[in-house]
PDB file of N, CA and C in Angstrom:
ATOM      1  N   LEU A   1      38.905  -9.138  12.256  1.00  0.00           N
ATOM      2  CA  LEU A   1      40.020  -9.516  12.887  1.00  0.00           C
ATOM      3  C   LEU A   1      41.282 -10.131  12.129  1.00  0.00           C
ATOM      4  N   PRO A   2      42.145  -9.527  13.019  1.00  0.00           N
ATOM      5  CA  PRO A   2      43.528  -9.769  11.939  1.00  0.00           C
ATOM      6  C   PRO A   2      44.023 -11.566  11.899  1.00  0.00           C
ATOM      7  N   GLY A   3      44.277 -11.718  10.695  1.00  0.00           N
ATOM      8  CA  GLY A   3      44.308 -13.046  10.377  1.00  0.00           C
ATOM      9  C   GLY A   3      43.280 -13.912   9.559  1.00  0.00           C
ATOM     10  N   GLU A   4      42.260 -13.120   9.615  1.00  0.00           N
ATOM     11  CA  GLU A   4      40.855 -13.633   9.107  1.00  0.00           C
ATOM     12  C   GLU A   4      40.872 -13.121   7.580  1.00  0.00           C
ATOM     13  N   ASP A   5      40.454 -14.190   6.524  1.00  0.00           N
ATOM     14  CA  ASP A   5      39.766 -13.806   5.522  1.00  0.00           C
ATOM     15  C   ASP A   5      38.842 -12.519   5.318  1.00  0.00           C
ATOM     16  N   GLU A   6      38.955 -12.044   4.256  1.00  0.00           N
ATOM     17  CA  GLU A   6      38.176 -10.572   3.997  1.00  0.00           C
ATOM     18  C   GLU A   6      36.519 -11.659   3.358  1.00  0.00           C
ATOM     19  N   ASP A   7      36.914 -12.475   2.912  1.00  0.00           N
ATOM     20  CA  ASP A   7      36.041 -13.467   2.449  1.00  0.00           C
ATOM     21  C   ASP A   7      35.017 -14.292   3.232  1.00  0.00           C
ATOM     22  N   THR A   8      35.105 -14.389   4.469  1.00  0.00           N
ATOM     23  CA  THR A   8      34.896 -15.242   5.202  1.00  0.00           C
ATOM     24  C   THR A   8      33.171 -14.287   6.028  1.00  0.00           C
ATOM     25  N   PRO A   9      32.425 -15.418   5.805  1.00  0.00           N
ATOM     26  CA  PRO A   9      31.095 -14.411   6.215  1.00  0.00           C
ATOM     27  C   PRO A   9      31.395 -14.411   7.843  1.00  0.00           C
ATOM     28  N   LEU A  10      30.622 -13.346   8.278  1.00  0.00           N
ATOM     29  CA  LEU A  10      30.866 -13.010   9.799  1.00  0.00           C
ATOM     30  C   LEU A  10      29.879 -13.412  10.631  1.00  0.00           C
ATOM     31  N   VAL A  11      28.535 -14.010  10.304  1.00  0.00           N
ATOM     32  CA  VAL A  11      27.689 -15.115  10.698  1.00  0.00           C
ATOM     33  C   VAL A  11      27.509 -16.063  10.289  1.00  0.00           C
ATOM     34  N   SER A  12      27.642 -17.212  10.262  1.00  0.00           N
ATOM     35  CA  SER A  12      27.906 -18.421   9.092  1.00  0.00           C
ATOM     36  C   SER A  12      26.750 -19.187   9.516  1.00  0.00           C
ATOM     37  N   SER A  13      25.523 -19.035  10.549  1.00  0.00           N
ATOM     38  CA  SER A  13      24.832 -20.322  11.114  1.00  0.00           C
ATOM     39  C   SER A  13      23.569 -19.994  10.699  1.00  0.00           C
ATOM     40  N   PRO A  14      23.135 -21.257   9.641  1.00  0.00           N
ATOM     41  CA  PRO A  14      21.731 -20.956   8.599  1.00  0.00           C
ATOM     42  C   PRO A  14      20.876 -21.260   9.757  1.00  0.00           C
ATOM     43  N   LEU A  15      19.206 -21.208   9.087  1.00  0.00           N
ATOM     44  CA  LEU A  15      18.469 -21.527   9.991  1.00  0.00           C
ATOM     45  C   LEU A  15      18.308 -22.668   9.963  1.00  0.00           C
ATOM     46  N   PRO A  16      17.934 -23.408  11.035  1.00  0.00           N
ATOM     47  CA  PRO A  16      17.574 -24.835  11.365  1.00  0.00           C
ATOM     48  C   PRO A  16      16.587 -25.522  10.429  1.00  0.00           C
ATOM     49  N   PRO A  17      16.448 -26.579   9.757  1.00  0.00           N
ATOM     50  CA  PRO A  17      15.568 -27.245   8.470  1.00  0.00           C
ATOM     51  C   PRO A  17      13.763 -26.941   8.865  1.00  0.00           C
ATOM     52  N   ALA A  18      13.732 -27.239  10.299  1.00  0.00           N
ATOM     53  CA  ALA A  18      12.280 -27.611  10.533  1.00  0.00           C
ATOM     54  C   ALA A  18      11.931 -25.738  10.663  1.00  0.00           C
ATOM     55  N   LEU A  19      12.791 -24.863  10.555  1.00  0.00           N
ATOM     56  CA  LEU A  19      12.738 -23.385  10.982  1.00  0.00           C
ATOM     57  C   LEU A  19      12.449 -23.104   9.609  1.00  0.00           C
ATOM     58  N   ARG A  20      13.281 -23.456   9.049  1.00  0.00           N
ATOM     59  CA  ARG A  20      13.083 -22.841   7.251  1.00  0.00           C
ATOM     60  C   ARG A  20      11.635 -23.519   6.707  1.00  0.00           C
ATOM     61  N   ALA A  21      11.533 -24.925   7.109  1.00  0.00           N
ATOM     62  CA  ALA A  21       9.980 -25.417   6.296  1.00  0.00           C
ATOM     63  C   ALA A  21       9.015 -24.624   6.900  1.00  0.00           C
ATOM     64  N   ASP A  22       8.915 -24.395   7.763  1.00  0.00           N
ATOM     65  CA  ASP A  22       7.731 -23.217   8.850  1.00  0.00           C
ATOM     66  C   ASP A  22       7.732 -22.148   8.132  1.00  0.00           C
ATOM     67  N   LEU A  23       9.193 -21.511   7.638  1.00  0.00           N
ATOM     68  CA  LEU A  23       8.793 -20.316   7.023  1.00  0.00           C
ATOM     69  C   LEU A  23       8.302 -20.414   5.805  1.00  0.00           C
ATOM     70  N   ALA A  24       8.777 -21.463   5.155  1.00  0.00           N
ATOM     71  CA  ALA A  24       7.975 -21.636   3.469  1.00  0.00           C
ATOM     72  C   ALA A  24       6.722 -22.138   3.672  1.00  0.00           C
ATOM     73  N   ALA A  25       5.946 -22.663   4.563  1.00  0.00           N
ATOM     74  CA  ALA A  25       4.718 -23.035   4.437  1.00  0.00           C
ATOM     75  C   ALA A  25       4.075 -21.392   4.980  1.00  0.00           C
ATOM     76  N   ALA A  26       4.413 -21.371   5.859  1.00  0.00           N
ATOM     77  CA  ALA A  26       4.015 -19.507   6.250  1.00  0.00           C
ATOM     78  C   ALA A  26       3.649 -18.314   5.068  1.00  0.00           C
ATOM     79  N   LEU A  27       4.730 -18.634   3.936  1.00  0.00           N
ATOM     80  CA  LEU A  27       4.869 -18.043   3.260  1.00  0.00           C
ATOM     81  C   LEU A  27       3.537 -18.390   2.175  1.00  0.00           C
ATOM     82  N   ARG A  28       3.991 -19.961   2.095  1.00  0.00           N
ATOM     83  CA  ARG A  28       2.741 -20.177   0.582  1.00  0.00           C
ATOM     84  C   ARG A  28       1.576 -20.203   1.230  1.00  0.00           C
ATOM     85  N   THR A  29       1.406 -19.954   2.514  1.00  0.00           N
ATOM     86  CA  THR A  29      -0.063 -19.707   2.929  1.00  0.00           C
ATOM     87  C   THR A  29      -0.516 -18.234   3.483  1.00  0.00           C
ATOM     88  N   ALA A  30       0.310 -17.479   2.969  1.00  0.00           N
ATOM     89  CA  ALA A  30      -0.140 -15.749   3.513  1.00  0.00           C
ATOM     90  C   ALA A  30      -1.336 -15.296   2.099  1.00  0.00           C
ATOM     91  N   PRO A  31      -1.556 -14.315   2.635  1.00  0.00           N
ATOM     92  CA  PRO A  31      -2.726 -13.477   1.716  1.00  0.00           C
ATOM     93  C   PRO A  31      -1.982 -12.828   0.517  1.00  0.00           C
ATOM     94  N   PRO A  32      -2.828 -12.452  -0.425  1.00  0.00           N
ATOM     95  CA  PRO A  32      -2.221 -11.803  -1.552  1.00  0.00           C
ATOM     96  C   PRO A  32      -2.038 -10.541  -1.436  1.00  0.00           C
ATOM     97  N   PRO A  33      -1.003  -9.688  -1.480  1.00  0.00           N
ATOM     98  CA  PRO A  33      -1.349  -8.356  -1.411  1.00  0.00           C
ATOM     99  C   PRO A  33      -2.692  -7.369  -1.515  1.00  0.00           C
ATOM    100  N   PRO A  34      -2.695  -6.470  -1.240  1.00  0.00           N
ATOM    101  CA  PRO A  34      -4.154  -5.726  -1.288  1.00  0.00           C
ATOM    102  C   PRO A  34      -3.751  -4.977  -2.567  1.00  0.00           C
ATOM    103  N   PRO A  35      -4.899  -4.915  -3.602  1.00  0.00           N
ATOM    104  CA  PRO A  35      -4.979  -4.375  -4.726  1.00  0.00           C
ATOM    105  C   PRO A  35      -4.410  -2.544  -4.295  1.00  0.00           C
ATOM    106  N   LYS A  36      -4.164  -2.372  -5.833  1.00  0.00           N
ATOM    107  CA  LYS A  36      -3.332  -0.748  -5.702  1.00  0.00           C
ATOM    108  C   LYS A  36      -4.669   0.120  -5.203  1.00  0.00           C
ATOM    109  N   LEU A  37      -4.687   1.192  -4.414  1.00  0.00           N
ATOM    110  CA  LEU A  37      -5.674   2.111  -4.300  1.00  0.00           C
ATOM    111  C   LEU A  37      -5.585   3.363  -5.450  1.00  0.00           C
ATOM    112  N   PRO A  38      -6.478   3.477  -5.696  1.00  0.00           N
ATOM    113  CA  PRO A  38      -6.918   4.634  -6.730  1.00  0.00           C
ATOM    114  C   PRO A  38      -5.644   5.894  -6.293  1.00  0.00           C
ATOM    115  N   THR A  39      -5.084   6.569  -6.930  1.00  0.00           N
ATOM    116  CA  THR A  39      -4.473   7.646  -6.992  1.00  0.00           C
ATOM    117  C   THR A  39      -5.345   9.110  -6.971  1.00  0.00           C
ATOM    118  N   VAL A  40      -5.676  10.598  -5.884  1.00  0.00           N
ATOM    119  CA  VAL A  40      -6.575  10.739  -6.787  1.00  0.00           C
ATOM    120  C   VAL A  40      -5.882  12.203  -7.106  1.00  0.00           C
ATOM    121  N   THR A  41      -6.205  12.395  -8.253  1.00  0.00           N
ATOM    122  CA  THR A  41      -5.742  13.652  -9.363  1.00  0.00           C
ATOM    123  C   THR A  41      -6.014  14.577  -9.721  1.00  0.00           C
ATOM    124  N   ALA A  42      -7.798  14.512  -9.246  1.00  0.00           N
ATOM    125  CA  ALA A  42      -8.266  16.255  -9.146  1.00  0.00           C
ATOM    126  C   ALA A  42      -9.315  15.920  -8.844  1.00  0.00           C
ATOM    127  N   ILE A  43      -9.892  17.218  -7.807  1.00  0.00           N
ATOM    128  CA  ILE A  43     -11.173  17.146  -7.163  1.00  0.00           C
ATOM    129  C   ILE A  43     -12.122  18.241  -7.767  1.00  0.00           C
ATOM    130  N   GLY A  44     -13.554  18.052  -7.537  1.00  0.00           N
ATOM    131  CA  GLY A  44     -14.433  18.784  -7.658  1.00  0.00           C
ATOM    132  C   GLY A  44     -15.519  18.788  -6.476  1.00  0.00           C
ATOM    133  N   LEU A  45     -16.536  19.981  -6.597  1.00  0.00           N
ATOM    134  CA  LEU A  45     -16.988  19.961  -5.474  1.00  0.00           C
ATOM    135  C   LEU A  45     -18.496  20.798  -6.020  1.00  0.00           C
ATOM    136  N   GLY A  46     -19.502  19.770  -5.795  1.00  0.00           N
ATOM    137  CA  GLY A  46     -20.628  20.391  -6.652  1.00  0.00           C
ATOM    138  C   GLY A  46     -20.601  21.052  -8.698  1.00  0.00           C
ATOM    139  N   ASP A  47     -20.772  21.767  -8.783  1.00  0.00           N
ATOM    140  CA  ASP A  47     -20.620  22.250  -9.999  1.00  0.00           C
ATOM    141  C   ASP A  47     -19.414  22.965 -10.600  1.00  0.00           C
ATOM    142  N   THR A  48     -18.527  23.133  -9.416  1.00  0.00           N
ATOM    143  CA  THR A  48     -17.257  23.774  -9.523  1.00  0.00           C
ATOM    144  C   THR A  48     -16.366  22.616 -10.518  1.00  0.00           C
ATOM    145  N   PRO A  49     -15.770  23.204 -11.524  1.00  0.00           N
ATOM    146  CA  PRO A  49     -14.917  22.149 -12.086  1.00  0.00           C
ATOM    147  C   PRO A  49     -13.346  21.375 -11.669  1.00  0.00           C
ATOM    148  N   TYR A  50     -13.177  20.426 -11.935  1.00  0.00           N
ATOM    149  CA  TYR A  50     -11.944  19.567 -11.741  1.00  0.00           C
ATOM    150  C   TYR A  50     -11.057  20.856 -11.305  1.00  0.00           C
ATOM    151  N   THR A  51     -10.472  20.657  -9.993  1.00  0.00           N
ATOM    152  CA  THR A  51      -9.087  21.288  -9.575  1.00  0.00           C
ATOM    153  C   THR A  51      -8.234  20.166  -9.562  1.00  0.00           C
ATOM    154  N   PRO A  52      -7.117  20.079 -10.554  1.00  0.00           N
ATOM    155  CA  PRO A  52      -5.799  18.980  -9.890  1.00  0.00           C
ATOM    156  C   PRO A  52      -5.249  19.136  -8.919  1.00  0.00           C
ATOM    157  N   LEU A  53      -4.686  18.309  -8.376  1.00  0.00           N
ATOM    158  CA  LEU A  53      -3.683  18.032  -7.289  1.00  0.00           C
ATOM    159  C   LEU A  53      -2.596  17.613  -7.410  1.00  0.00           C
ATOM    160  N   ASP A  54      -1.841  18.381  -6.853  1.00  0.00           N
ATOM    161  CA  ASP A  54      -0.678  18.685  -7.351  1.00  0.00           C
ATOM    162  C   ASP A  54       0.047  18.488  -5.393  1.00  0.00           C
ATOM    163  N   PRO A  55       0.520  17.602  -4.701  1.00  0.00           N
ATOM    164  CA  PRO A  55       0.935  16.132  -5.736  1.00  0.00           C
ATOM    165  C   PRO A  55      -0.531  15.151  -5.320  1.00  0.00           C
ATOM    166  N   PRO A  56      -0.438  14.410  -6.573  1.00  0.00           N
ATOM    167  CA  PRO A  56      -1.442  13.748  -6.265  1.00  0.00           C
ATOM    168  C   PRO A  56      -1.843  12.540  -4.792  1.00  0.00           C
ATOM    169  N   LEU A  57      -3.084  12.369  -4.641  1.00  0.00           N
ATOM    170  CA  LEU A  57      -3.513  11.559  -3.082  1.00  0.00           C
ATOM    171  C   LEU A  57      -3.897  10.329  -3.494  1.00  0.00           C
ATOM    172  N   THR A  58      -2.979   9.352  -2.516  1.00  0.00           N
ATOM    173  CA  THR A  58      -3.682   8.153  -2.528  1.00  0.00           C
ATOM    174  C   THR A  58      -4.910   8.301  -1.651  1.00  0.00           C
ATOM    175  N   ALA A  59      -6.200   8.002  -1.848  1.00  0.00           N
ATOM    176  CA  ALA A  59      -7.210   8.183  -0.570  1.00  0.00           C
ATOM    177  C   ALA A  59      -8.097   6.596  -0.700  1.00  0.00           C
ATOM    178  N   GLU A  60      -8.928   6.764   0.433  1.00  0.00           N
ATOM    179  CA  GLU A  60      -9.439   5.508   0.724  1.00  0.00           C
ATOM    180  C   GLU A  60     -10.860   6.724   0.691  1.00  0.00           C
ATOM    181  N   VAL A  61     -11.903   6.196  -0.075  1.00  0.00           N
ATOM    182  CA  VAL A  61     -13.283   7.594   0.174  1.00  0.00           C
ATOM    183  C   VAL A  61     -14.425   6.861   0.914  1.00  0.00           C
ATOM    184  N   ARG A  62     -14.900   7.347   2.229  1.00  0.00           N
ATOM    185  CA  ARG A  62     -16.115   6.953   2.531  1.00  0.00           C
ATOM    186  C   ARG A  62     -16.862   7.627   3.086  1.00  0.00           C
ATOM    187  N   HIS A  63     -18.626   7.770   2.706  1.00  0.00           N
ATOM    188  CA  HIS A  63     -19.067   9.028   2.618  1.00  0.00           C
ATOM    189  C   HIS A  63     -20.380   8.415   3.724  1.00  0.00           C
ATOM    190  N   ALA A  64     -21.032   9.276   4.400  1.00  0.00           N
ATOM    191  CA  ALA A  64     -22.026   8.678   5.090  1.00  0.00           C
ATOM    192  C   ALA A  64     -22.724  10.146   5.244  1.00  0.00           C
ATOM    193  N   SER A  65     -24.478  10.134   4.757  1.00  0.00           N
ATOM    194  CA  SER A  65     -25.273  11.213   5.517  1.00  0.00           C
ATOM    195  C   SER A  65     -26.504  11.320   5.881  1.00  0.00           C
ATOM    196  N   THR A  66     -26.887  11.930   6.552  1.00  0.00           N
ATOM    197  CA  THR A  66     -28.529  11.443   6.782  1.00  0.00           C
ATOM    198  C   THR A  66     -29.551  12.224   6.313  1.00  0.00           C
ATOM    199  N   ARG A  67     -28.945  13.387   5.208  1.00  0.00           N
ATOM    200  CA  ARG A  67     -29.977  14.161   4.601  1.00  0.00           C
ATOM    201  C   ARG A  67     -30.220  13.467   3.435  1.00  0.00           C
ATOM    202  N   HIS A  68     -31.098  13.338   2.599  1.00  0.00           N
ATOM    203  CA  HIS A  68     -31.465  13.102   1.279  1.00  0.00           C
ATOM    204  C   HIS A  68     -32.270  13.907   0.406  1.00  0.00           C
ATOM    205  N   PRO A  69     -31.395  14.595  -0.994  1.00  0.00           N
ATOM    206  CA  PRO A  69     -30.188  14.186  -0.949  1.00  0.00           C
ATOM    207  C   PRO A  69     -29.276  14.480  -0.373  1.00  0.00           C
ATOM    208  N   PRO A  70     -27.517  14.309  -0.865  1.00  0.00           N
ATOM    209  CA  PRO A  70     -26.811  14.805   0.174  1.00  0.00           C
ATOM    210  C   PRO A  70     -26.800  16.704  -0.577  1.00  0.00           C
ATOM    211  N   PRO A  71     -26.414  17.828   0.168  1.00  0.00           N
ATOM    212  CA  PRO A  71     -26.555  19.042  -0.209  1.00  0.00           C
ATOM    213  C   PRO A  71     -25.761  18.918  -1.281  1.00  0.00           C
ATOM    214  N   GLU A  72     -24.162  18.489  -1.527  1.00  0.00           N
ATOM    215  CA  GLU A  72     -23.310  18.596  -2.439  1.00  0.00           C
ATOM    216  C   GLU A  72     -23.037  17.676  -2.994  1.00  0.00           C
ATOM    217  N   VAL A  73     -22.456  17.502  -4.184  1.00  0.00           N
ATOM    218  CA  VAL A  73     -21.393  16.242  -4.728  1.00  0.00           C
ATOM    219  C   VAL A  73     -19.851  16.267  -4.529  1.00  0.00           C
ATOM    220  N   LEU A  74     -19.044  15.645  -3.948  1.00  0.00           N
ATOM    221  CA  LEU A  74     -17.447  15.769  -4.201  1.00  0.00           C
ATOM    222  C   LEU A  74     -17.288  14.769  -4.929  1.00  0.00           C
ATOM    223  N   ARG A  75     -16.718  15.091  -6.430  1.00  0.00           N
ATOM    224  CA  ARG A  75     -16.264  14.449  -7.048  1.00  0.00           C
ATOM    225  C   ARG A  75     -14.665  14.302  -7.345  1.00  0.00           C
ATOM    226  N   LEU A  76     -14.364  13.057  -7.476  1.00  0.00           N
ATOM    227  CA  LEU A  76     -13.099  12.488  -7.482  1.00  0.00           C
ATOM    228  C   LEU A  76     -12.287  12.178  -9.158  1.00  0.00           C
ATOM    229  N   ARG A  77     -11.566  12.320  -9.235  1.00  0.00           N
ATOM    230  CA  ARG A  77     -11.020  12.132 -10.581  1.00  0.00           C
ATOM    231  C   ARG A  77      -9.438  11.337 -10.399  1.00  0.00           C
ATOM    232  N   THR A  78      -9.720  10.188 -10.643  1.00  0.00           N
ATOM    233  CA  THR A  78      -8.597   8.956 -10.295  1.00  0.00           C
ATOM    234  C   THR A  78      -7.614   8.817 -11.462  1.00  0.00           C
ATOM    235  N   ASP A  79      -6.473   7.540 -11.356  1.00  0.00           N
ATOM    236  CA  ASP A  79      -5.705   7.731 -12.258  1.00  0.00           C
ATOM    237  C   ASP A  79      -6.126   5.745 -12.979  1.00  0.00           C
ATOM    238  N   LEU A  80      -7.040   5.658 -12.469  1.00  0.00           N
ATOM    239  CA  LEU A  80      -7.951   4.125 -12.629  1.00  0.00           C
ATOM    240  C   LEU A  80      -8.915   4.283 -13.796  1.00  0.00           C
TER     241      LEU A  80
END
């Protein structure tokens, strides 16, 4: 606005001390971040050699089968 210094902050109301204390306590008790998921860099099925994936995939792999043994094996190569 006319007549105002450019260094003057547009908003100058800090958080109330009680709210700052509550936020600090919540951050201290927050759970740690999840571990890094593996990045899948290549995939193979059965006896087929690995095929590189471009771009690599970040994946969570789950498997369920009612056949024993499973008919084919899916192999994943990761960066871990």
